[in-house]
Structures are given as structure tokens and as C-alpha cells.
């Protein structure tokens, strides 16, 4: 995983979740059931015992890295607001360093 992407994912997790909520997170590759030749990079996050899997990248997709990071971050924000540990809370990451020049 390129260091800037890892740093941006870490930034999103650290700013959206409190330290006591983060049980861990990691990257992994998965295969698409419909197209086993295509792999997707996902981020597995466990927060307060609840798992979240966010897609970050799909091989052969023409998605810019910044857009993929936005999709991951938006999904994490939604997961948090629907979780048992932060039900109804609206946590937003307004500082998205991957958009800085």
C-alpha cells in the first residue's frame, strides 16, 4: 500500500473515531464473485467491536485515488452514525488532506 494512501486512511479513522473506539484496522485484497479476475482493495475497521468493510480501490477501475478515499470516508461516517456505539451521531471529516494541492 503506498504510504500516502495508508496515511490518509489513518487520518480519516483517527479523526472520525475516538481512540477508545478503535479496535484495529487493516487493508486486504478481495476477489469479486462476479468477476474472479478482478480484485478490490478493502479496509477492514473494527470499532467498539463492530466491523466495517470499506472499499478503497478496484483493479481496472478508472477511479482517482482522491475519489476512492472520499467514498471510503463517507461510508465510514455513515457506519459510525448507524453503529451501536455512536448511534445518531453525525461525525464528519471536513479536513481531507488528499484534496490539498
PDB file of N, CA and C in Angstrom:
ATOM      1  N   UNK A   1       0.847  -1.174   0.000  1.00  0.00           N
ATOM      2  CA  UNK A   1       0.000   0.000   0.000  1.00  0.00           C
ATOM      3  C   UNK A   1       0.888   1.231   0.000  1.00  0.00           C
ATOM      4  N   UNK A   2       0.690   2.146  -0.942  1.00  0.00           N
ATOM      5  CA  UNK A   2       1.503   3.368  -0.959  1.00  0.00           C
ATOM      6  C   UNK A   2       1.349   4.146   0.353  1.00  0.00           C
ATOM      7  N   UNK A   3       2.461   4.625   0.913  1.00  0.00           N
ATOM      8  CA  UNK A   3       2.396   5.332   2.198  1.00  0.00           C
ATOM      9  C   UNK A   3       1.377   6.465   2.258  1.00  0.00           C
ATOM     10  N   UNK A   4       1.214   7.296   1.198  1.00  0.00           N
ATOM     11  CA  UNK A   4       0.217   8.366   1.315  1.00  0.00           C
ATOM     12  C   UNK A   4      -1.202   7.831   1.507  1.00  0.00           C
ATOM     13  N   UNK A   5      -1.555   6.740   0.842  1.00  0.00           N
ATOM     14  CA  UNK A   5      -2.902   6.187   0.996  1.00  0.00           C
ATOM     15  C   UNK A   5      -3.085   5.672   2.415  1.00  0.00           C
ATOM     16  N   UNK A   6      -2.102   4.951   2.915  1.00  0.00           N
ATOM     17  CA  UNK A   6      -2.175   4.454   4.302  1.00  0.00           C
ATOM     18  C   UNK A   6      -2.319   5.627   5.271  1.00  0.00           C
ATOM     19  N   UNK A   7      -1.555   6.675   5.059  1.00  0.00           N
ATOM     20  CA  UNK A   7      -1.625   7.848   5.941  1.00  0.00           C
ATOM     21  C   UNK A   7      -2.992   8.524   5.865  1.00  0.00           C
ATOM     22  N   UNK A   8      -3.584   8.593   4.680  1.00  0.00           N
ATOM     23  CA  UNK A   8      -4.899   9.228   4.531  1.00  0.00           C
ATOM     24  C   UNK A   8      -5.997   8.391   5.194  1.00  0.00           C
ATOM     25  N   UNK A   9      -5.930   7.073   5.049  1.00  0.00           N
ATOM     26  CA  UNK A   9      -6.909   6.204   5.715  1.00  0.00           C
ATOM     27  C   UNK A   9      -6.760   6.343   7.228  1.00  0.00           C
ATOM     28  N   UNK A  10      -5.522   6.335   7.708  1.00  0.00           N
ATOM     29  CA  UNK A  10      -5.270   6.510   9.142  1.00  0.00           C
ATOM     30  C   UNK A  10      -5.812   7.849   9.621  1.00  0.00           C
ATOM     31  N   UNK A  11      -5.618   8.895   8.826  1.00  0.00           N
ATOM     32  CA  UNK A  11      -6.133  10.235   9.171  1.00  0.00           C
ATOM     33  C   UNK A  11      -7.659  10.187   9.340  1.00  0.00           C
ATOM     34  N   UNK A  12      -8.342   9.580   8.391  1.00  0.00           N
ATOM     35  CA  UNK A  12      -9.809   9.505   8.470  1.00  0.00           C
ATOM     36  C   UNK A  12     -10.251   8.748   9.710  1.00  0.00           C
ATOM     37  N   UNK A  13      -9.631   7.620   9.970  1.00  0.00           N
ATOM     38  CA  UNK A  13     -10.019   6.804  11.128  1.00  0.00           C
ATOM     39  C   UNK A  13      -9.742   7.549  12.431  1.00  0.00           C
ATOM     40  N   UNK A  14      -8.555   8.135  12.551  1.00  0.00           N
ATOM     41  CA  UNK A  14      -8.196   8.848  13.790  1.00  0.00           C
ATOM     42  C   UNK A  14      -9.076  10.058  14.052  1.00  0.00           C
ATOM     43  N   UNK A  15      -9.555  10.719  12.985  1.00  0.00           N
ATOM     44  CA  UNK A  15     -10.366  11.914  13.182  1.00  0.00           C
ATOM     45  C   UNK A  15     -11.859  11.630  13.320  1.00  0.00           C
ATOM     46  N   UNK A  16     -12.300  10.478  12.873  1.00  0.00           N
ATOM     47  CA  UNK A  16     -13.727  10.154  12.986  1.00  0.00           C
ATOM     48  C   UNK A  16     -14.042   9.286  14.202  1.00  0.00           C
ATOM     49  N   UNK A  17     -13.080   8.523  14.658  1.00  0.00           N
ATOM     50  CA  UNK A  17     -13.289   7.628  15.806  1.00  0.00           C
ATOM     51  C   UNK A  17     -12.421   8.065  16.971  1.00  0.00           C
ATOM     52  N   UNK A  18     -12.954   7.922  18.180  1.00  0.00           N
ATOM     53  CA  UNK A  18     -12.155   8.198  19.371  1.00  0.00           C
ATOM     54  C   UNK A  18     -11.173   7.044  19.578  1.00  0.00           C
ATOM     55  N   UNK A  19     -10.041   7.307  20.211  1.00  0.00           N
ATOM     56  CA  UNK A  19      -9.042   6.246  20.407  1.00  0.00           C
ATOM     57  C   UNK A  19      -9.602   5.007  21.099  1.00  0.00           C
ATOM     58  N   UNK A  20     -10.506   5.190  22.047  1.00  0.00           N
ATOM     59  CA  UNK A  20     -11.056   4.034  22.756  1.00  0.00           C
ATOM     60  C   UNK A  20     -12.073   3.255  21.915  1.00  0.00           C
ATOM     61  N   UNK A  21     -12.472   3.791  20.777  1.00  0.00           N
ATOM     62  CA  UNK A  21     -13.408   3.096  19.900  1.00  0.00           C
ATOM     63  C   UNK A  21     -12.703   2.222  18.863  1.00  0.00           C
ATOM     64  N   UNK A  22     -11.451   2.533  18.568  1.00  0.00           N
ATOM     65  CA  UNK A  22     -10.728   1.808  17.514  1.00  0.00           C
ATOM     66  C   UNK A  22     -10.123   0.528  18.071  1.00  0.00           C
ATOM     67  N   UNK A  23     -10.633  -0.603  17.575  1.00  0.00           N
ATOM     68  CA  UNK A  23     -10.065  -1.898  17.954  1.00  0.00           C
ATOM     69  C   UNK A  23      -8.958  -2.306  16.985  1.00  0.00           C
ATOM     70  N   UNK A  24      -9.013  -1.806  15.764  1.00  0.00           N
ATOM     71  CA  UNK A  24      -7.981  -2.091  14.776  1.00  0.00           C
ATOM     72  C   UNK A  24      -8.493  -1.871  13.370  1.00  0.00           C
ATOM     73  N   UNK A  25      -7.553  -1.841  12.435  1.00  0.00           N
ATOM     74  CA  UNK A  25      -7.918  -1.716  11.025  1.00  0.00           C
ATOM     75  C   UNK A  25      -6.780  -2.263  10.186  1.00  0.00           C
ATOM     76  N   UNK A  26      -7.131  -2.717   8.966  1.00  0.00           N
ATOM     77  CA  UNK A  26      -6.132  -3.286   8.065  1.00  0.00           C
ATOM     78  C   UNK A  26      -6.639  -3.247   6.623  1.00  0.00           C
ATOM     79  N   UNK A  27      -5.696  -3.367   5.703  1.00  0.00           N
ATOM     80  CA  UNK A  27      -6.017  -3.481   4.286  1.00  0.00           C
ATOM     81  C   UNK A  27      -6.026  -4.954   3.903  1.00  0.00           C
ATOM     82  N   UNK A  28      -6.831  -5.302   2.893  1.00  0.00           N
ATOM     83  CA  UNK A  28      -6.761  -6.635   2.301  1.00  0.00           C
ATOM     84  C   UNK A  28      -7.352  -6.585   0.898  1.00  0.00           C
ATOM     85  N   UNK A  29      -6.934  -7.556   0.093  1.00  0.00           N
ATOM     86  CA  UNK A  29      -7.472  -7.701  -1.261  1.00  0.00           C
ATOM     87  C   UNK A  29      -8.572  -8.754  -1.250  1.00  0.00           C
ATOM     88  N   UNK A  30      -9.637  -8.508  -1.985  1.00  0.00           N
ATOM     89  CA  UNK A  30     -10.723  -9.484  -2.136  1.00  0.00           C
ATOM     90  C   UNK A  30     -10.929  -9.726  -3.634  1.00  0.00           C
ATOM     91  N   UNK A  31     -11.606 -10.814  -3.938  1.00  0.00           N
ATOM     92  CA  UNK A  31     -11.960 -11.127  -5.332  1.00  0.00           C
ATOM     93  C   UNK A  31     -13.459 -10.940  -5.496  1.00  0.00           C
ATOM     94  N   UNK A  32     -13.839 -10.417  -6.627  1.00  0.00           N
ATOM     95  CA  UNK A  32     -15.245 -10.194  -6.954  1.00  0.00           C
ATOM     96  C   UNK A  32     -15.880 -11.526  -7.346  1.00  0.00           C
ATOM     97  N   UNK A  33     -17.017 -11.856  -6.738  1.00  0.00           N
ATOM     98  CA  UNK A  33     -17.701 -13.109  -7.068  1.00  0.00           C
ATOM     99  C   UNK A  33     -18.124 -13.154  -8.529  1.00  0.00           C
ATOM    100  N   UNK A  34     -18.542 -12.013  -9.063  1.00  0.00           N
ATOM    101  CA  UNK A  34     -18.995 -11.967 -10.457  1.00  0.00           C
ATOM    102  C   UNK A  34     -17.836 -11.980 -11.451  1.00  0.00           C
ATOM    103  N   UNK A  35     -16.690 -11.507 -11.026  1.00  0.00           N
ATOM    104  CA  UNK A  35     -15.515 -11.446 -11.895  1.00  0.00           C
ATOM    105  C   UNK A  35     -14.285 -11.809 -11.069  1.00  0.00           C
ATOM    106  N   UNK A  36     -13.982 -13.093 -10.942  1.00  0.00           N
ATOM    107  CA  UNK A  36     -12.875 -13.516 -10.078  1.00  0.00           C
ATOM    108  C   UNK A  36     -11.498 -13.006 -10.502  1.00  0.00           C
ATOM    109  N   UNK A  37     -11.386 -12.471 -11.715  1.00  0.00           N
ATOM    110  CA  UNK A  37     -10.112 -11.912 -12.154  1.00  0.00           C
ATOM    111  C   UNK A  37      -9.892 -10.490 -11.646  1.00  0.00           C
ATOM    112  N   UNK A  38     -10.928  -9.898 -11.083  1.00  0.00           N
ATOM    113  CA  UNK A  38     -10.836  -8.530 -10.588  1.00  0.00           C
ATOM    114  C   UNK A  38     -10.723  -8.545  -9.061  1.00  0.00           C
ATOM    115  N   UNK A  39      -9.709  -7.847  -8.587  1.00  0.00           N
ATOM    116  CA  UNK A  39      -9.535  -7.734  -7.135  1.00  0.00           C
ATOM    117  C   UNK A  39      -9.913  -6.336  -6.667  1.00  0.00           C
ATOM    118  N   UNK A  40     -10.380  -6.264  -5.425  1.00  0.00           N
ATOM    119  CA  UNK A  40     -10.699  -4.984  -4.795  1.00  0.00           C
ATOM    120  C   UNK A  40      -9.881  -4.853  -3.519  1.00  0.00           C
ATOM    121  N   UNK A  41      -9.397  -3.653  -3.273  1.00  0.00           N
ATOM    122  CA  UNK A  41      -8.700  -3.358  -2.031  1.00  0.00           C
ATOM    123  C   UNK A  41      -9.727  -2.819  -1.052  1.00  0.00           C
ATOM    124  N   UNK A  42      -9.824  -3.456   0.090  1.00  0.00           N
ATOM    125  CA  UNK A  42     -10.771  -3.012   1.105  1.00  0.00           C
ATOM    126  C   UNK A  42     -10.024  -2.675   2.389  1.00  0.00           C
ATOM    127  N   UNK A  43     -10.678  -1.861   3.199  1.00  0.00           N
ATOM    128  CA  UNK A  43     -10.167  -1.527   4.525  1.00  0.00           C
ATOM    129  C   UNK A  43     -11.146  -2.115   5.528  1.00  0.00           C
ATOM    130  N   UNK A  44     -10.649  -3.003   6.368  1.00  0.00           N
ATOM    131  CA  UNK A  44     -11.453  -3.566   7.450  1.00  0.00           C
ATOM    132  C   UNK A  44     -11.192  -2.751   8.703  1.00  0.00           C
ATOM    133  N   UNK A  45     -12.258  -2.221   9.280  1.00  0.00           N
ATOM    134  CA  UNK A  45     -12.161  -1.439  10.511  1.00  0.00           C
ATOM    135  C   UNK A  45     -13.033  -2.118  11.552  1.00  0.00           C
ATOM    136  N   UNK A  46     -12.512  -2.280  12.752  1.00  0.00           N
ATOM    137  CA  UNK A  46     -13.327  -2.753  13.871  1.00  0.00           C
ATOM    138  C   UNK A  46     -13.345  -1.633  14.892  1.00  0.00           C
ATOM    139  N   UNK A  47     -14.549  -1.139  15.172  1.00  0.00           N
ATOM    140  CA  UNK A  47     -14.722  -0.030  16.107  1.00  0.00           C
ATOM    141  C   UNK A  47     -15.708  -0.444  17.180  1.00  0.00           C
ATOM    142  N   UNK A  48     -15.261  -0.405  18.427  1.00  0.00           N
ATOM    143  CA  UNK A  48     -16.098  -0.801  19.564  1.00  0.00           C
ATOM    144  C   UNK A  48     -16.746  -2.161  19.315  1.00  0.00           C
ATOM    145  N   UNK A  49     -15.985  -3.068  18.726  1.00  0.00           N
ATOM    146  CA  UNK A  49     -16.456  -4.426  18.478  1.00  0.00           C
ATOM    147  C   UNK A  49     -17.296  -4.602  17.226  1.00  0.00           C
ATOM    148  N   UNK A  50     -17.583  -3.530  16.503  1.00  0.00           N
ATOM    149  CA  UNK A  50     -18.417  -3.605  15.303  1.00  0.00           C
ATOM    150  C   UNK A  50     -17.545  -3.527  14.053  1.00  0.00           C
ATOM    151  N   UNK A  51     -17.734  -4.472  13.118  1.00  0.00           N
ATOM    152  CA  UNK A  51     -16.912  -4.464  11.909  1.00  0.00           C
ATOM    153  C   UNK A  51     -17.479  -3.568  10.812  1.00  0.00           C
ATOM    154  N   UNK A  52     -16.570  -2.954  10.077  1.00  0.00           N
ATOM    155  CA  UNK A  52     -16.923  -2.165   8.902  1.00  0.00           C
ATOM    156  C   UNK A  52     -15.928  -2.514   7.807  1.00  0.00           C
ATOM    157  N   UNK A  53     -16.425  -2.760   6.605  1.00  0.00           N
ATOM    158  CA  UNK A  53     -15.569  -3.023   5.465  1.00  0.00           C
ATOM    159  C   UNK A  53     -15.822  -1.933   4.428  1.00  0.00           C
ATOM    160  N   UNK A  54     -14.795  -1.156   4.124  1.00  0.00           N
ATOM    161  CA  UNK A  54     -14.924  -0.084   3.153  1.00  0.00           C
ATOM    162  C   UNK A  54     -14.074  -0.353   1.925  1.00  0.00           C
ATOM    163  N   UNK A  55     -14.686  -0.251   0.759  1.00  0.00           N
ATOM    164  CA  UNK A  55     -13.946  -0.437  -0.490  1.00  0.00           C
ATOM    165  C   UNK A  55     -13.111   0.788  -0.781  1.00  0.00           C
ATOM    166  N   UNK A  56     -11.895   0.546  -1.212  1.00  0.00           N
ATOM    167  CA  UNK A  56     -10.981   1.644  -1.489  1.00  0.00           C
ATOM    168  C   UNK A  56     -10.567   1.695  -2.956  1.00  0.00           C
ATOM    169  N   UNK A  57     -10.423   0.544  -3.573  1.00  0.00           N
ATOM    170  CA  UNK A  57      -9.900   0.517  -4.928  1.00  0.00           C
ATOM    171  C   UNK A  57     -10.306  -0.788  -5.596  1.00  0.00           C
ATOM    172  N   UNK A  58     -10.628  -0.721  -6.878  1.00  0.00           N
ATOM    173  CA  UNK A  58     -10.913  -1.922  -7.654  1.00  0.00           C
ATOM    174  C   UNK A  58     -10.013  -1.920  -8.885  1.00  0.00           C
ATOM    175  N   UNK A  59      -9.334  -3.047  -9.091  1.00  0.00           N
ATOM    176  CA  UNK A  59      -8.481  -3.150 -10.273  1.00  0.00           C
ATOM    177  C   UNK A  59      -9.304  -2.883 -11.523  1.00  0.00           C
ATOM    178  N   UNK A  60      -8.684  -2.300 -12.496  1.00  0.00           N
ATOM    179  CA  UNK A  60      -9.300  -1.985 -13.784  1.00  0.00           C
ATOM    180  C   UNK A  60     -10.329  -0.860 -13.698  1.00  0.00           C
ATOM    181  N   UNK A  61     -10.518  -0.283 -12.537  1.00  0.00           N
ATOM    182  CA  UNK A  61     -11.447   0.847 -12.406  1.00  0.00           C
ATOM    183  C   UNK A  61     -10.665   2.128 -12.678  1.00  0.00           C
ATOM    184  N   UNK A  62     -11.312   3.062 -13.257  1.00  0.00           N
ATOM    185  CA  UNK A  62     -10.664   4.336 -13.570  1.00  0.00           C
ATOM    186  C   UNK A  62     -11.078   5.397 -12.545  1.00  0.00           C
ATOM    187  N   UNK A  63     -10.942   5.059 -11.287  1.00  0.00           N
ATOM    188  CA  UNK A  63     -11.363   5.945 -10.199  1.00  0.00           C
ATOM    189  C   UNK A  63     -10.134   6.626  -9.600  1.00  0.00           C
ATOM    190  N   UNK A  64     -10.098   7.950  -9.563  1.00  0.00           N
ATOM    191  CA  UNK A  64      -8.970   8.648  -8.947  1.00  0.00           C
ATOM    192  C   UNK A  64      -8.863   8.298  -7.455  1.00  0.00           C
ATOM    193  N   UNK A  65      -7.639   8.306  -6.952  1.00  0.00           N
ATOM    194  CA  UNK A  65      -7.402   7.956  -5.550  1.00  0.00           C
ATOM    195  C   UNK A  65      -8.187   8.861  -4.613  1.00  0.00           C
ATOM    196  N   UNK A  66      -8.222  10.153  -4.879  1.00  0.00           N
ATOM    197  CA  UNK A  66      -8.951  11.086  -4.003  1.00  0.00           C
ATOM    198  C   UNK A  66     -10.432  10.723  -3.941  1.00  0.00           C
ATOM    199  N   UNK A  67     -11.012  10.344  -5.061  1.00  0.00           N
ATOM    200  CA  UNK A  67     -12.424   9.952  -5.070  1.00  0.00           C
ATOM    201  C   UNK A  67     -12.636   8.677  -4.271  1.00  0.00           C
ATOM    202  N   UNK A  68     -11.731   7.713  -4.400  1.00  0.00           N
ATOM    203  CA  UNK A  68     -11.845   6.467  -3.641  1.00  0.00           C
ATOM    204  C   UNK A  68     -11.736   6.736  -2.142  1.00  0.00           C
ATOM    205  N   UNK A  69     -10.839   7.641  -1.757  1.00  0.00           N
ATOM    206  CA  UNK A  69     -10.713   7.993  -0.335  1.00  0.00           C
ATOM    207  C   UNK A  69     -11.974   8.696   0.167  1.00  0.00           C
ATOM    208  N   UNK A  70     -12.593   9.522  -0.672  1.00  0.00           N
ATOM    209  CA  UNK A  70     -13.853  10.165  -0.296  1.00  0.00           C
ATOM    210  C   UNK A  70     -14.953   9.121  -0.083  1.00  0.00           C
ATOM    211  N   UNK A  71     -15.054   8.154  -0.985  1.00  0.00           N
ATOM    212  CA  UNK A  71     -16.080   7.106  -0.858  1.00  0.00           C
ATOM    213  C   UNK A  71     -15.856   6.313   0.425  1.00  0.00           C
ATOM    214  N   UNK A  72     -14.610   5.933   0.702  1.00  0.00           N
ATOM    215  CA  UNK A  72     -14.307   5.211   1.938  1.00  0.00           C
ATOM    216  C   UNK A  72     -14.702   6.047   3.160  1.00  0.00           C
ATOM    217  N   UNK A  73     -14.308   7.320   3.168  1.00  0.00           N
ATOM    218  CA  UNK A  73     -14.572   8.196   4.314  1.00  0.00           C
ATOM    219  C   UNK A  73     -16.069   8.438   4.500  1.00  0.00           C
ATOM    220  N   UNK A  74     -16.786   8.674   3.416  1.00  0.00           N
ATOM    221  CA  UNK A  74     -18.242   8.864   3.510  1.00  0.00           C
ATOM    222  C   UNK A  74     -18.914   7.617   4.077  1.00  0.00           C
ATOM    223  N   UNK A  75     -18.466   6.452   3.641  1.00  0.00           N
ATOM    224  CA  UNK A  75     -19.020   5.203   4.162  1.00  0.00           C
ATOM    225  C   UNK A  75     -18.723   5.020   5.640  1.00  0.00           C
ATOM    226  N   UNK A  76     -17.516   5.389   6.057  1.00  0.00           N
ATOM    227  CA  UNK A  76     -17.159   5.293   7.474  1.00  0.00           C
ATOM    228  C   UNK A  76     -18.020   6.236   8.308  1.00  0.00           C
ATOM    229  N   UNK A  77     -18.263   7.436   7.803  1.00  0.00           N
ATOM    230  CA  UNK A  77     -19.143   8.378   8.513  1.00  0.00           C
ATOM    231  C   UNK A  77     -20.544   7.782   8.683  1.00  0.00           C
ATOM    232  N   UNK A  78     -21.071   7.168   7.631  1.00  0.00           N
ATOM    233  CA  UNK A  78     -22.396   6.542   7.711  1.00  0.00           C
ATOM    234  C   UNK A  78     -22.405   5.376   8.701  1.00  0.00           C
ATOM    235  N   UNK A  79     -21.367   4.538   8.646  1.00  0.00           N
ATOM    236  CA  UNK A  79     -21.251   3.408   9.572  1.00  0.00           C
ATOM    237  C   UNK A  79     -21.294   3.896  11.018  1.00  0.00           C
ATOM    238  N   UNK A  80     -20.544   4.951  11.313  1.00  0.00           N
ATOM    239  CA  UNK A  80     -20.492   5.470  12.679  1.00  0.00           C
ATOM    240  C   UNK A  80     -21.877   5.918  13.132  1.00  0.00           C
ATOM    241  N   UNK A  81     -22.599   6.640  12.273  1.00  0.00           N
ATOM    242  CA  UNK A  81     -23.913   7.153  12.679  1.00  0.00           C
ATOM    243  C   UNK A  81     -24.945   6.046  12.861  1.00  0.00           C
ATOM    244  N   UNK A  82     -24.686   4.880  12.272  1.00  0.00           N
ATOM    245  CA  UNK A  82     -25.615   3.750  12.398  1.00  0.00           C
ATOM    246  C   UNK A  82     -25.130   2.697  13.394  1.00  0.00           C
ATOM    247  N   UNK A  83     -23.991   2.936  14.014  1.00  0.00           N
ATOM    248  CA  UNK A  83     -23.407   1.957  14.937  1.00  0.00           C
ATOM    249  C   UNK A  83     -24.097   1.998  16.301  1.00  0.00           C
ATOM    250  N   UNK A  84     -23.868   0.950  17.082  1.00  0.00           N
ATOM    251  CA  UNK A  84     -24.399   0.919  18.453  1.00  0.00           C
ATOM    252  C   UNK A  84     -23.655   1.903  19.354  1.00  0.00           C
ATOM    253  N   UNK A  85     -22.353   2.092  19.100  1.00  0.00           N
ATOM    254  CA  UNK A  85     -21.553   2.942  19.988  1.00  0.00           C
ATOM    255  C   UNK A  85     -21.734   4.437  19.717  1.00  0.00           C
ATOM    256  N   UNK A  86     -22.241   4.798  18.550  1.00  0.00           N
ATOM    257  CA  UNK A  86     -22.386   6.228  18.227  1.00  0.00           C
ATOM    258  C   UNK A  86     -23.689   6.488  17.478  1.00  0.00           C
ATOM    259  N   UNK A  87     -24.707   5.743  17.805  1.00  0.00           N
ATOM    260  CA  UNK A  87     -25.995   5.832  17.107  1.00  0.00           C
ATOM    261  C   UNK A  87     -26.465   7.278  16.992  1.00  0.00           C
ATOM    262  N   UNK A  88     -26.738   7.696  15.761  1.00  0.00           N
ATOM    263  CA  UNK A  88     -27.292   9.024  15.522  1.00  0.00           C
ATOM    264  C   UNK A  88     -26.298  10.159  15.522  1.00  0.00           C
ATOM    265  N   UNK A  89     -25.056   9.894  15.889  1.00  0.00           N
ATOM    266  CA  UNK A  89     -24.053  10.961  15.883  1.00  0.00           C
ATOM    267  C   UNK A  89     -23.618  11.245  14.453  1.00  0.00           C
ATOM    268  N   UNK A  90     -23.488  12.499  14.129  1.00  0.00           N
ATOM    269  CA  UNK A  90     -23.027  12.890  12.797  1.00  0.00           C
ATOM    270  C   UNK A  90     -21.592  13.374  12.925  1.00  0.00           C
ATOM    271  N   UNK A  91     -20.669  12.491  12.631  1.00  0.00           N
ATOM    272  CA  UNK A  91     -19.252  12.849  12.649  1.00  0.00           C
ATOM    273  C   UNK A  91     -18.812  13.013  11.198  1.00  0.00           C
ATOM    274  N   UNK A  92     -18.271  14.171  10.904  1.00  0.00           N
ATOM    275  CA  UNK A  92     -17.854  14.455   9.535  1.00  0.00           C
ATOM    276  C   UNK A  92     -16.379  14.818   9.493  1.00  0.00           C
ATOM    277  N   UNK A  93     -15.706  14.317   8.492  1.00  0.00           N
ATOM    278  CA  UNK A  93     -14.315  14.669   8.277  1.00  0.00           C
ATOM    279  C   UNK A  93     -14.275  15.801   7.257  1.00  0.00           C
ATOM    280  N   UNK A  94     -14.079  17.005   7.754  1.00  0.00           N
ATOM    281  CA  UNK A  94     -14.029  18.161   6.850  1.00  0.00           C
ATOM    282  C   UNK A  94     -12.611  18.393   6.336  1.00  0.00           C
ATOM    283  N   UNK A  95     -11.620  17.977   7.101  1.00  0.00           N
ATOM    284  CA  UNK A  95     -10.223  18.115   6.691  1.00  0.00           C
ATOM    285  C   UNK A  95      -9.815  16.847   5.939  1.00  0.00           C
ATOM    286  N   UNK A  96      -9.820  16.946   4.621  1.00  0.00           N
ATOM    287  CA  UNK A  96      -9.462  15.805   3.777  1.00  0.00           C
ATOM    288  C   UNK A  96      -8.172  16.157   3.026  1.00  0.00           C
ATOM    289  N   UNK A  97      -7.026  15.804   3.637  1.00  0.00           N
ATOM    290  CA  UNK A  97      -5.749  16.265   3.096  1.00  0.00           C
ATOM    291  C   UNK A  97      -5.437  15.763   1.688  1.00  0.00           C
ATOM    292  N   UNK A  98      -6.112  14.734   1.233  1.00  0.00           N
ATOM    293  CA  UNK A  98      -5.854  14.237  -0.120  1.00  0.00           C
ATOM    294  C   UNK A  98      -6.363  15.195  -1.192  1.00  0.00           C
ATOM    295  N   UNK A  99      -7.102  16.246  -0.784  1.00  0.00           N
ATOM    296  CA  UNK A  99      -7.564  17.247  -1.739  1.00  0.00           C
ATOM    297  C   UNK A  99      -6.677  18.484  -1.770  1.00  0.00           C
ATOM    298  N   UNK A 100      -5.706  18.511  -0.892  1.00  0.00           N
ATOM    299  CA  UNK A 100      -4.780  19.652  -0.886  1.00  0.00           C
ATOM    300  C   UNK A 100      -3.817  19.530  -2.057  1.00  0.00           C
ATOM    301  N   UNK A 101      -3.489  20.649  -2.635  1.00  0.00           N
ATOM    302  CA  UNK A 101      -2.599  20.697  -3.793  1.00  0.00           C
ATOM    303  C   UNK A 101      -1.260  20.173  -3.521  1.00  0.00           C
TER     304      UNK A 101
END
